[in-house]
Amino acid sequence: MITVYHNPRCSKSRGACELIDDRLNRSGETVKVIEYLKEPPSIDDLKALHQMLGGSVRDMIRENETPFKELGLADVSLSDDQLYKAIAAHPILLQRPIVVRDGRAVIGRPPENIEVLFK
């Protein structure tokens, strides 16, 4: 199954869904689209995404969103758990789109980043 954490208002997110539908999902795998602003991921979901993405929790955060500034998330002394809680409470902070397939995940910015999951 392919899971896409999606924001339909985001052109990159829409582009990722189109790329999967039009080019990458040749085998017809089930695609689960999660509109994460309507169905925010839990802290456990975020931890699982982070593990699949690798890198820093901060890589999952959109720094240009208002809650980032309001919550003082630029503070490098914040723990991963504090960052997970902030994302869970303010899902607009989550990078988009995030695509998951076969236990791996990528941030689809640009949408072509997703291609690595299909190789």
N, C-alpha and C. Protein backbone atom coordinates (compact mmCIF):
# COMPACT_ATOMS: atom_id res chain seq x y z
N MET A 1 0.84 -1.18 0.00
CA MET A 1 0.00 0.00 0.00
C MET A 1 0.89 1.25 0.00
N ILE A 2 0.40 2.26 -0.66
CA ILE A 2 1.06 3.56 -0.72
C ILE A 2 0.21 4.51 0.13
N THR A 3 0.85 5.23 1.04
CA THR A 3 0.14 6.20 1.87
C THR A 3 0.70 7.58 1.56
N VAL A 4 -0.22 8.53 1.36
CA VAL A 4 0.18 9.90 1.06
C VAL A 4 -0.43 10.81 2.12
N TYR A 5 0.42 11.49 2.88
CA TYR A 5 -0.03 12.54 3.80
C TYR A 5 -0.16 13.79 2.95
N HIS A 6 -1.39 14.22 2.75
CA HIS A 6 -1.74 15.14 1.67
C HIS A 6 -2.49 16.36 2.18
N ASN A 7 -2.19 17.49 1.54
CA ASN A 7 -2.97 18.71 1.74
C ASN A 7 -3.45 19.12 0.36
N PRO A 8 -4.75 19.01 0.09
CA PRO A 8 -5.25 19.29 -1.26
C PRO A 8 -5.06 20.74 -1.70
N ARG A 9 -4.78 21.64 -0.79
CA ARG A 9 -4.55 23.04 -1.15
C ARG A 9 -3.11 23.30 -1.61
N CYS A 10 -2.25 22.31 -1.45
CA CYS A 10 -0.83 22.45 -1.77
C CYS A 10 -0.55 21.89 -3.17
N SER A 11 0.04 22.71 -4.02
CA SER A 11 0.32 22.27 -5.39
C SER A 11 1.33 21.12 -5.43
N LYS A 12 2.31 21.13 -4.54
CA LYS A 12 3.30 20.04 -4.50
C LYS A 12 2.63 18.74 -4.08
N SER A 13 1.71 18.83 -3.15
CA SER A 13 0.99 17.65 -2.69
C SER A 13 0.09 17.10 -3.79
N ARG A 14 -0.60 17.99 -4.48
CA ARG A 14 -1.44 17.55 -5.60
C ARG A 14 -0.57 16.94 -6.70
N GLY A 15 0.59 17.55 -6.95
CA GLY A 15 1.51 17.02 -7.95
C GLY A 15 2.01 15.63 -7.60
N ALA A 16 2.26 15.40 -6.33
CA ALA A 16 2.71 14.07 -5.88
C ALA A 16 1.63 13.02 -6.12
N CYS A 17 0.40 13.35 -5.80
CA CYS A 17 -0.71 12.41 -6.03
C CYS A 17 -0.86 12.12 -7.52
N GLU A 18 -0.76 13.14 -8.35
CA GLU A 18 -0.86 12.95 -9.80
C GLU A 18 0.28 12.08 -10.32
N LEU A 19 1.49 12.32 -9.83
CA LEU A 19 2.64 11.54 -10.26
C LEU A 19 2.46 10.06 -9.91
N ILE A 20 1.98 9.80 -8.71
CA ILE A 20 1.74 8.42 -8.30
C ILE A 20 0.67 7.79 -9.19
N ASP A 21 -0.44 8.49 -9.37
CA ASP A 21 -1.55 7.95 -10.16
C ASP A 21 -1.19 7.79 -11.63
N ASP A 22 -0.51 8.76 -12.20
CA ASP A 22 -0.26 8.78 -13.64
C ASP A 22 0.95 7.98 -14.09
N ARG A 23 1.99 7.90 -13.24
CA ARG A 23 3.25 7.32 -13.71
C ARG A 23 3.83 6.22 -12.84
N LEU A 24 3.79 6.42 -11.53
CA LEU A 24 4.59 5.55 -10.67
C LEU A 24 3.89 4.27 -10.23
N ASN A 25 2.61 4.33 -10.02
CA ASN A 25 1.88 3.18 -9.47
C ASN A 25 1.42 2.26 -10.60
N ARG A 26 2.37 1.72 -11.30
CA ARG A 26 2.07 0.86 -12.46
C ARG A 26 1.41 -0.46 -12.05
N SER A 27 1.69 -0.92 -10.85
CA SER A 27 1.14 -2.21 -10.42
C SER A 27 -0.26 -2.08 -9.81
N GLY A 28 -0.75 -0.86 -9.70
CA GLY A 28 -2.10 -0.66 -9.18
C GLY A 28 -2.24 -0.88 -7.69
N GLU A 29 -1.18 -0.59 -6.94
CA GLU A 29 -1.26 -0.72 -5.48
C GLU A 29 -2.35 0.20 -4.93
N THR A 30 -2.90 -0.19 -3.81
CA THR A 30 -3.88 0.65 -3.12
C THR A 30 -3.17 1.92 -2.65
N VAL A 31 -3.80 3.06 -2.88
CA VAL A 31 -3.26 4.34 -2.44
C VAL A 31 -4.21 4.89 -1.38
N LYS A 32 -3.67 5.09 -0.20
CA LYS A 32 -4.44 5.68 0.91
C LYS A 32 -4.00 7.13 1.04
N VAL A 33 -4.93 8.04 0.84
CA VAL A 33 -4.63 9.46 0.96
C VAL A 33 -5.16 9.95 2.30
N ILE A 34 -4.27 10.49 3.11
CA ILE A 34 -4.65 11.02 4.42
C ILE A 34 -4.56 12.53 4.36
N GLU A 35 -5.69 13.18 4.45
CA GLU A 35 -5.68 14.65 4.56
C GLU A 35 -5.34 14.97 6.01
N TYR A 36 -4.07 15.16 6.26
CA TYR A 36 -3.58 15.23 7.63
C TYR A 36 -4.08 16.45 8.40
N LEU A 37 -4.61 17.46 7.73
CA LEU A 37 -5.20 18.58 8.46
C LEU A 37 -6.56 18.20 9.02
N LYS A 38 -7.23 17.25 8.37
CA LYS A 38 -8.52 16.75 8.86
C LYS A 38 -8.34 15.56 9.79
N GLU A 39 -7.31 14.76 9.53
CA GLU A 39 -6.99 13.57 10.32
C GLU A 39 -5.54 13.67 10.79
N PRO A 40 -5.28 14.50 11.79
CA PRO A 40 -3.88 14.70 12.22
C PRO A 40 -3.23 13.39 12.68
N PRO A 41 -1.98 13.21 12.33
CA PRO A 41 -1.26 12.02 12.81
C PRO A 41 -1.02 12.12 14.31
N SER A 42 -1.07 10.96 14.95
CA SER A 42 -0.77 10.89 16.38
C SER A 42 0.74 11.02 16.58
N ILE A 43 1.13 11.17 17.82
CA ILE A 43 2.57 11.21 18.13
C ILE A 43 3.23 9.91 17.70
N ASP A 44 2.56 8.78 17.93
CA ASP A 44 3.13 7.50 17.48
C ASP A 44 3.27 7.44 15.96
N ASP A 45 2.27 7.97 15.24
CA ASP A 45 2.36 8.04 13.78
C ASP A 45 3.56 8.89 13.36
N LEU A 46 3.73 10.03 14.01
CA LEU A 46 4.85 10.92 13.68
C LEU A 46 6.19 10.25 13.95
N LYS A 47 6.28 9.52 15.04
CA LYS A 47 7.53 8.81 15.34
C LYS A 47 7.83 7.76 14.28
N ALA A 48 6.78 7.06 13.83
CA ALA A 48 6.97 6.04 12.79
C ALA A 48 7.39 6.70 11.47
N LEU A 49 6.75 7.82 11.13
CA LEU A 49 7.14 8.55 9.93
C LEU A 49 8.59 9.00 10.01
N HIS A 50 8.97 9.53 11.16
CA HIS A 50 10.34 10.01 11.36
C HIS A 50 11.34 8.87 11.16
N GLN A 51 11.02 7.72 11.72
CA GLN A 51 11.92 6.57 11.58
C GLN A 51 12.08 6.18 10.11
N MET A 52 10.97 6.20 9.36
CA MET A 52 11.04 5.83 7.94
C MET A 52 11.75 6.89 7.10
N LEU A 53 11.57 8.15 7.48
CA LEU A 53 12.21 9.24 6.75
C LEU A 53 13.70 9.32 7.03
N GLY A 54 14.08 9.01 8.28
CA GLY A 54 15.47 9.22 8.68
C GLY A 54 15.68 10.71 8.92
N GLY A 55 16.88 11.09 9.18
CA GLY A 55 17.18 12.51 9.41
C GLY A 55 16.66 13.00 10.74
N SER A 56 16.50 14.28 10.82
CA SER A 56 16.08 14.95 12.04
C SER A 56 14.57 15.13 12.06
N VAL A 57 13.99 15.18 13.24
CA VAL A 57 12.57 15.50 13.37
C VAL A 57 12.31 16.86 12.73
N ARG A 58 13.26 17.76 12.85
CA ARG A 58 13.11 19.10 12.30
C ARG A 58 12.91 19.08 10.78
N ASP A 59 13.40 18.04 10.12
CA ASP A 59 13.21 17.92 8.67
C ASP A 59 11.73 17.75 8.32
N MET A 60 10.94 17.31 9.28
CA MET A 60 9.51 17.09 9.07
C MET A 60 8.68 18.36 9.28
N ILE A 61 9.33 19.43 9.73
CA ILE A 61 8.60 20.63 10.14
C ILE A 61 8.72 21.73 9.09
N ARG A 62 7.59 22.35 8.81
CA ARG A 62 7.54 23.53 7.93
C ARG A 62 7.82 24.76 8.79
N GLU A 63 8.95 25.36 8.56
CA GLU A 63 9.38 26.49 9.39
C GLU A 63 8.69 27.80 9.05
N ASN A 64 8.04 27.86 7.90
CA ASN A 64 7.41 29.12 7.50
C ASN A 64 5.96 29.26 7.96
N GLU A 65 5.48 28.31 8.73
CA GLU A 65 4.11 28.37 9.24
C GLU A 65 4.06 29.19 10.53
N THR A 66 2.96 29.89 10.75
CA THR A 66 2.80 30.75 11.91
C THR A 66 3.05 30.03 13.24
N PRO A 67 2.51 28.81 13.45
CA PRO A 67 2.77 28.15 14.74
C PRO A 67 4.25 27.90 15.02
N PHE A 68 5.05 27.76 13.98
CA PHE A 68 6.49 27.55 14.19
C PHE A 68 7.07 28.72 14.97
N LYS A 69 6.73 29.92 14.55
CA LYS A 69 7.24 31.12 15.22
C LYS A 69 6.57 31.30 16.58
N GLU A 70 5.25 31.15 16.62
CA GLU A 70 4.50 31.38 17.86
C GLU A 70 4.92 30.44 18.98
N LEU A 71 5.28 29.20 18.62
CA LEU A 71 5.66 28.20 19.62
C LEU A 71 7.16 28.20 19.92
N GLY A 72 7.90 29.05 19.24
CA GLY A 72 9.34 29.12 19.49
C GLY A 72 10.06 27.84 19.08
N LEU A 73 9.62 27.21 17.99
CA LEU A 73 10.20 25.92 17.60
C LEU A 73 11.59 26.04 16.99
N ALA A 74 12.06 27.24 16.75
CA ALA A 74 13.43 27.42 16.28
C ALA A 74 14.45 27.13 17.39
N ASP A 75 13.98 27.06 18.62
CA ASP A 75 14.84 26.79 19.78
C ASP A 75 15.44 25.39 19.64
N VAL A 76 16.75 25.33 19.41
CA VAL A 76 17.43 24.05 19.18
C VAL A 76 17.50 23.18 20.43
N SER A 77 17.16 23.73 21.59
CA SER A 77 17.20 22.92 22.81
C SER A 77 15.93 22.09 22.99
N LEU A 78 14.93 22.29 22.13
CA LEU A 78 13.70 21.50 22.24
C LEU A 78 13.98 20.04 21.90
N SER A 79 13.37 19.15 22.65
CA SER A 79 13.56 17.72 22.43
C SER A 79 12.70 17.24 21.26
N ASP A 80 13.03 16.06 20.76
CA ASP A 80 12.20 15.46 19.72
C ASP A 80 10.77 15.30 20.20
N ASP A 81 10.59 14.88 21.44
CA ASP A 81 9.23 14.70 21.97
C ASP A 81 8.46 16.02 21.97
N GLN A 82 9.11 17.12 22.29
CA GLN A 82 8.44 18.41 22.25
C GLN A 82 8.05 18.78 20.82
N LEU A 83 8.90 18.44 19.87
CA LEU A 83 8.60 18.72 18.47
C LEU A 83 7.45 17.85 17.97
N TYR A 84 7.46 16.56 18.34
CA TYR A 84 6.33 15.68 17.98
C TYR A 84 5.02 16.24 18.51
N LYS A 85 5.03 16.67 19.76
CA LYS A 85 3.80 17.21 20.37
C LYS A 85 3.32 18.46 19.63
N ALA A 86 4.25 19.30 19.21
CA ALA A 86 3.89 20.51 18.48
C ALA A 86 3.26 20.16 17.14
N ILE A 87 3.84 19.21 16.43
CA ILE A 87 3.29 18.81 15.13
C ILE A 87 1.91 18.18 15.31
N ALA A 88 1.78 17.33 16.31
CA ALA A 88 0.49 16.67 16.56
C ALA A 88 -0.59 17.69 16.88
N ALA A 89 -0.24 18.71 17.65
CA ALA A 89 -1.20 19.74 18.03
C ALA A 89 -1.47 20.73 16.90
N HIS A 90 -0.49 20.90 16.02
CA HIS A 90 -0.59 21.87 14.91
C HIS A 90 -0.15 21.17 13.62
N PRO A 91 -1.00 20.32 13.05
CA PRO A 91 -0.56 19.52 11.91
C PRO A 91 -0.15 20.33 10.68
N ILE A 92 -0.50 21.60 10.64
CA ILE A 92 -0.05 22.46 9.53
C ILE A 92 1.48 22.51 9.49
N LEU A 93 2.12 22.18 10.60
CA LEU A 93 3.58 22.19 10.67
C LEU A 93 4.23 21.03 9.91
N LEU A 94 3.46 20.00 9.62
CA LEU A 94 4.03 18.81 8.98
C LEU A 94 4.37 19.10 7.51
N GLN A 95 5.58 18.73 7.13
CA GLN A 95 5.97 18.84 5.72
C GLN A 95 4.97 18.07 4.86
N ARG A 96 4.81 18.52 3.64
CA ARG A 96 3.87 17.85 2.74
C ARG A 96 4.41 17.87 1.33
N PRO A 97 4.02 16.89 0.61
CA PRO A 97 3.41 15.63 1.02
C PRO A 97 4.48 14.69 1.56
N ILE A 98 4.06 13.75 2.37
CA ILE A 98 4.93 12.65 2.77
C ILE A 98 4.30 11.40 2.18
N VAL A 99 5.13 10.63 1.47
CA VAL A 99 4.67 9.40 0.83
C VAL A 99 5.38 8.23 1.47
N VAL A 100 4.60 7.20 1.82
CA VAL A 100 5.12 6.00 2.47
C VAL A 100 4.83 4.80 1.58
N ARG A 101 5.85 3.97 1.41
CA ARG A 101 5.68 2.72 0.64
C ARG A 101 6.73 1.73 1.11
N ASP A 102 6.30 0.52 1.38
CA ASP A 102 7.21 -0.58 1.75
C ASP A 102 8.15 -0.22 2.90
N GLY A 103 7.63 0.44 3.92
CA GLY A 103 8.43 0.76 5.10
C GLY A 103 9.41 1.89 4.92
N ARG A 104 9.32 2.61 3.81
CA ARG A 104 10.17 3.76 3.55
C ARG A 104 9.29 4.97 3.30
N ALA A 105 9.83 6.14 3.55
CA ALA A 105 9.07 7.37 3.34
C ALA A 105 9.98 8.45 2.79
N VAL A 106 9.35 9.37 2.04
CA VAL A 106 10.06 10.54 1.53
C VAL A 106 9.12 11.74 1.61
N ILE A 107 9.74 12.90 1.69
CA ILE A 107 8.99 14.14 1.57
C ILE A 107 8.99 14.48 0.08
N GLY A 108 7.81 14.63 -0.48
CA GLY A 108 7.67 14.82 -1.92
C GLY A 108 7.80 16.26 -2.37
N ARG A 109 8.86 16.91 -1.96
CA ARG A 109 9.18 18.28 -2.38
C ARG A 109 10.58 18.24 -2.96
N PRO A 110 10.72 18.25 -4.23
CA PRO A 110 9.71 18.25 -5.27
C PRO A 110 9.07 16.87 -5.41
N PRO A 111 7.95 16.79 -6.11
CA PRO A 111 7.25 15.51 -6.25
C PRO A 111 8.15 14.39 -6.81
N GLU A 112 9.13 14.72 -7.61
CA GLU A 112 10.03 13.72 -8.19
C GLU A 112 10.80 12.96 -7.12
N ASN A 113 10.90 13.49 -5.90
CA ASN A 113 11.56 12.77 -4.81
C ASN A 113 10.91 11.41 -4.56
N ILE A 114 9.64 11.30 -4.91
CA ILE A 114 8.87 10.08 -4.64
C ILE A 114 9.37 8.92 -5.48
N GLU A 115 9.96 9.20 -6.61
CA GLU A 115 10.39 8.15 -7.53
C GLU A 115 11.30 7.11 -6.86
N VAL A 116 12.08 7.52 -5.88
CA VAL A 116 13.00 6.60 -5.21
C VAL A 116 12.24 5.45 -4.54
N LEU A 117 11.00 5.67 -4.14
CA LEU A 117 10.22 4.62 -3.49
C LEU A 117 9.76 3.54 -4.47
N PHE A 118 9.89 3.80 -5.75
CA PHE A 118 9.40 2.87 -6.77
C PHE A 118 10.53 2.22 -7.55
N LYS A 119 11.75 2.37 -7.06
CA LYS A 119 12.90 1.76 -7.73
C LYS A 119 13.31 0.49 -7.01
